[in-house]
Amino acid sequence: MSSNKSREWLLYNAVLTWLSHYGSMGSELTPDYKILEEELRQVYEQSNNTKTRKRGRSAKRQRTKETSSNPASTEESKATNQET
């Protein structure tokens, strides 16, 4: 059996279960469990509210080889651009 519950949820659930079964019986531990329940609830809520931060920009491939260009063709295109 695989469970995807967090440790915080399991602890919080265990304390809530104890309180629901034994809390009304007047146990001397009930006030301690109520305090523990409040602390664990806060921890559990904080663990739910944490968001995964995105990293910087996305990865891009590096150019491994420079493009070869004919110097004459770049001069020709510059001349053409100047005429227009």
C-alpha atoms as a PDB file:
ATOM      1  CA  MET A   1       0.000   0.000   0.000  1.00  0.00           C
ATOM      2  CA  SER A   2       1.479   3.304  -1.094  1.00  0.00           C
ATOM      3  CA  SER A   3       0.497   6.516   0.658  1.00  0.00           C
ATOM      4  CA  ASN A   4       1.263  10.009  -0.541  1.00  0.00           C
ATOM      5  CA  LYS A   5       0.323  11.721   2.724  1.00  0.00           C
ATOM      6  CA  SER A   6       2.910  13.983   4.301  1.00  0.00           C
ATOM      7  CA  ARG A   7       4.454  13.406   7.698  1.00  0.00           C
ATOM      8  CA  GLU A   8       2.692  16.530   8.984  1.00  0.00           C
ATOM      9  CA  TRP A   9      -0.683  15.200   7.870  1.00  0.00           C
ATOM     10  CA  LEU A  10      -0.084  11.823   9.534  1.00  0.00           C
ATOM     11  CA  LEU A  11       0.874  13.400  12.868  1.00  0.00           C
ATOM     12  CA  TYR A  12      -2.021  15.847  12.747  1.00  0.00           C
ATOM     13  CA  ASN A  13      -4.455  13.056  11.891  1.00  0.00           C
ATOM     14  CA  ALA A  14      -3.146  10.866  14.738  1.00  0.00           C
ATOM     15  CA  VAL A  15      -3.697  13.644  17.288  1.00  0.00           C
ATOM     16  CA  LEU A  16      -7.189  14.358  15.944  1.00  0.00           C
ATOM     17  CA  THR A  17      -8.012  10.653  16.167  1.00  0.00           C
ATOM     18  CA  TRP A  18      -6.810  10.470  19.773  1.00  0.00           C
ATOM     19  CA  LEU A  19      -8.862  13.538  20.683  1.00  0.00           C
ATOM     20  CA  SER A  20     -11.996  12.155  19.035  1.00  0.00           C
ATOM     21  CA  HIS A  21     -11.687   8.798  20.834  1.00  0.00           C
ATOM     22  CA  TYR A  22     -10.282   9.764  24.243  1.00  0.00           C
ATOM     23  CA  GLY A  23     -10.680  13.543  24.523  1.00  0.00           C
ATOM     24  CA  SER A  24     -14.221  13.429  25.877  1.00  0.00           C
ATOM     25  CA  MET A  25     -13.336  10.877  28.570  1.00  0.00           C
ATOM     26  CA  GLY A  26     -11.703  13.501  30.753  1.00  0.00           C
ATOM     27  CA  SER A  27      -8.152  12.221  30.395  1.00  0.00           C
ATOM     28  CA  GLU A  28      -5.425  14.276  32.031  1.00  0.00           C
ATOM     29  CA  LEU A  29      -3.618  14.308  28.672  1.00  0.00           C
ATOM     30  CA  THR A  30      -6.472  16.016  26.813  1.00  0.00           C
ATOM     31  CA  PRO A  31      -5.221  19.623  27.330  1.00  0.00           C
ATOM     32  CA  ASP A  32      -1.753  18.609  26.123  1.00  0.00           C
ATOM     33  CA  TYR A  33      -3.211  16.955  23.045  1.00  0.00           C
ATOM     34  CA  LYS A  34      -5.319  20.044  22.282  1.00  0.00           C
ATOM     35  CA  ILE A  35      -2.205  22.228  22.392  1.00  0.00           C
ATOM     36  CA  LEU A  36      -0.366  19.716  20.223  1.00  0.00           C
ATOM     37  CA  GLU A  37      -3.283  19.653  17.792  1.00  0.00           C
ATOM     38  CA  GLU A  38      -3.121  23.439  17.337  1.00  0.00           C
ATOM     39  CA  GLU A  39       0.642  23.358  16.757  1.00  0.00           C
ATOM     40  CA  LEU A  40       0.408  20.507  14.271  1.00  0.00           C
ATOM     41  CA  ARG A  41      -2.489  22.167  12.442  1.00  0.00           C
ATOM     42  CA  GLN A  42      -0.357  25.264  11.869  1.00  0.00           C
ATOM     43  CA  VAL A  43       2.579  23.170  10.658  1.00  0.00           C
ATOM     44  CA  TYR A  44       0.309  21.145   8.380  1.00  0.00           C
ATOM     45  CA  GLU A  45      -1.307  24.262   6.897  1.00  0.00           C
ATOM     46  CA  GLN A  46       2.109  25.821   6.287  1.00  0.00           C
ATOM     47  CA  SER A  47       3.304  22.679   4.530  1.00  0.00           C
ATOM     48  CA  ASN A  48       0.261  22.864   2.235  1.00  0.00           C
ATOM     49  CA  ASN A  49       0.807  26.532   1.418  1.00  0.00           C
ATOM     50  CA  THR A  50       4.415  26.242   0.289  1.00  0.00           C
ATOM     51  CA  LYS A  51       4.741  26.634  -3.442  1.00  0.00           C
ATOM     52  CA  THR A  52       7.506  25.428  -5.649  1.00  0.00           C
ATOM     53  CA  ARG A  53       9.550  28.342  -6.853  1.00  0.00           C
ATOM     54  CA  LYS A  54      10.276  28.520 -10.515  1.00  0.00           C
ATOM     55  CA  ARG A  55      13.868  28.736 -11.551  1.00  0.00           C
ATOM     56  CA  GLY A  56      15.180  31.486 -13.791  1.00  0.00           C
ATOM     57  CA  ARG A  57      14.774  31.374 -17.520  1.00  0.00           C
ATOM     58  CA  SER A  58      14.242  28.191 -19.454  1.00  0.00           C
ATOM     59  CA  ALA A  59      17.210  26.290 -20.801  1.00  0.00           C
ATOM     60  CA  LYS A  60      18.284  26.980 -24.363  1.00  0.00           C
ATOM     61  CA  ARG A  61      20.666  25.032 -26.509  1.00  0.00           C
ATOM     62  CA  GLN A  62      24.058  26.520 -27.011  1.00  0.00           C
ATOM     63  CA  ARG A  63      25.331  27.044 -30.507  1.00  0.00           C
ATOM     64  CA  THR A  64      28.157  24.659 -31.043  1.00  0.00           C
ATOM     65  CA  LYS A  65      29.249  25.788 -34.467  1.00  0.00           C
ATOM     66  CA  GLU A  66      29.390  29.244 -35.967  1.00  0.00           C
ATOM     67  CA  THR A  67      27.453  29.663 -39.159  1.00  0.00           C
ATOM     68  CA  SER A  68      29.646  30.030 -42.175  1.00  0.00           C
ATOM     69  CA  SER A  69      28.775  32.906 -44.408  1.00  0.00           C
ATOM     70  CA  ASN A  70      30.240  34.143 -47.614  1.00  0.00           C
ATOM     71  CA  PRO A  71      31.675  37.646 -47.038  1.00  0.00           C
ATOM     72  CA  ALA A  72      30.760  38.652 -50.574  1.00  0.00           C
ATOM     73  CA  SER A  73      27.115  37.822 -50.049  1.00  0.00           C
ATOM     74  CA  THR A  74      26.906  39.956 -46.883  1.00  0.00           C
ATOM     75  CA  GLU A  75      28.477  42.906 -48.713  1.00  0.00           C
ATOM     76  CA  GLU A  76      26.018  42.482 -51.538  1.00  0.00           C
ATOM     77  CA  SER A  77      23.053  42.427 -49.183  1.00  0.00           C
ATOM     78  CA  LYS A  78      24.314  45.575 -47.423  1.00  0.00           C
ATOM     79  CA  ALA A  79      24.546  47.375 -50.754  1.00  0.00           C
ATOM     80  CA  THR A  80      21.050  46.275 -51.658  1.00  0.00           C
ATOM     81  CA  ASN A  81      19.691  47.490 -48.317  1.00  0.00           C
ATOM     82  CA  GLN A  82      21.286  50.902 -48.736  1.00  0.00           C
ATOM     83  CA  GLU A  83      19.671  51.446 -52.128  1.00  0.00           C
ATOM     84  CA  THR A  84      16.136  50.924 -50.827  1.00  0.00           C
END
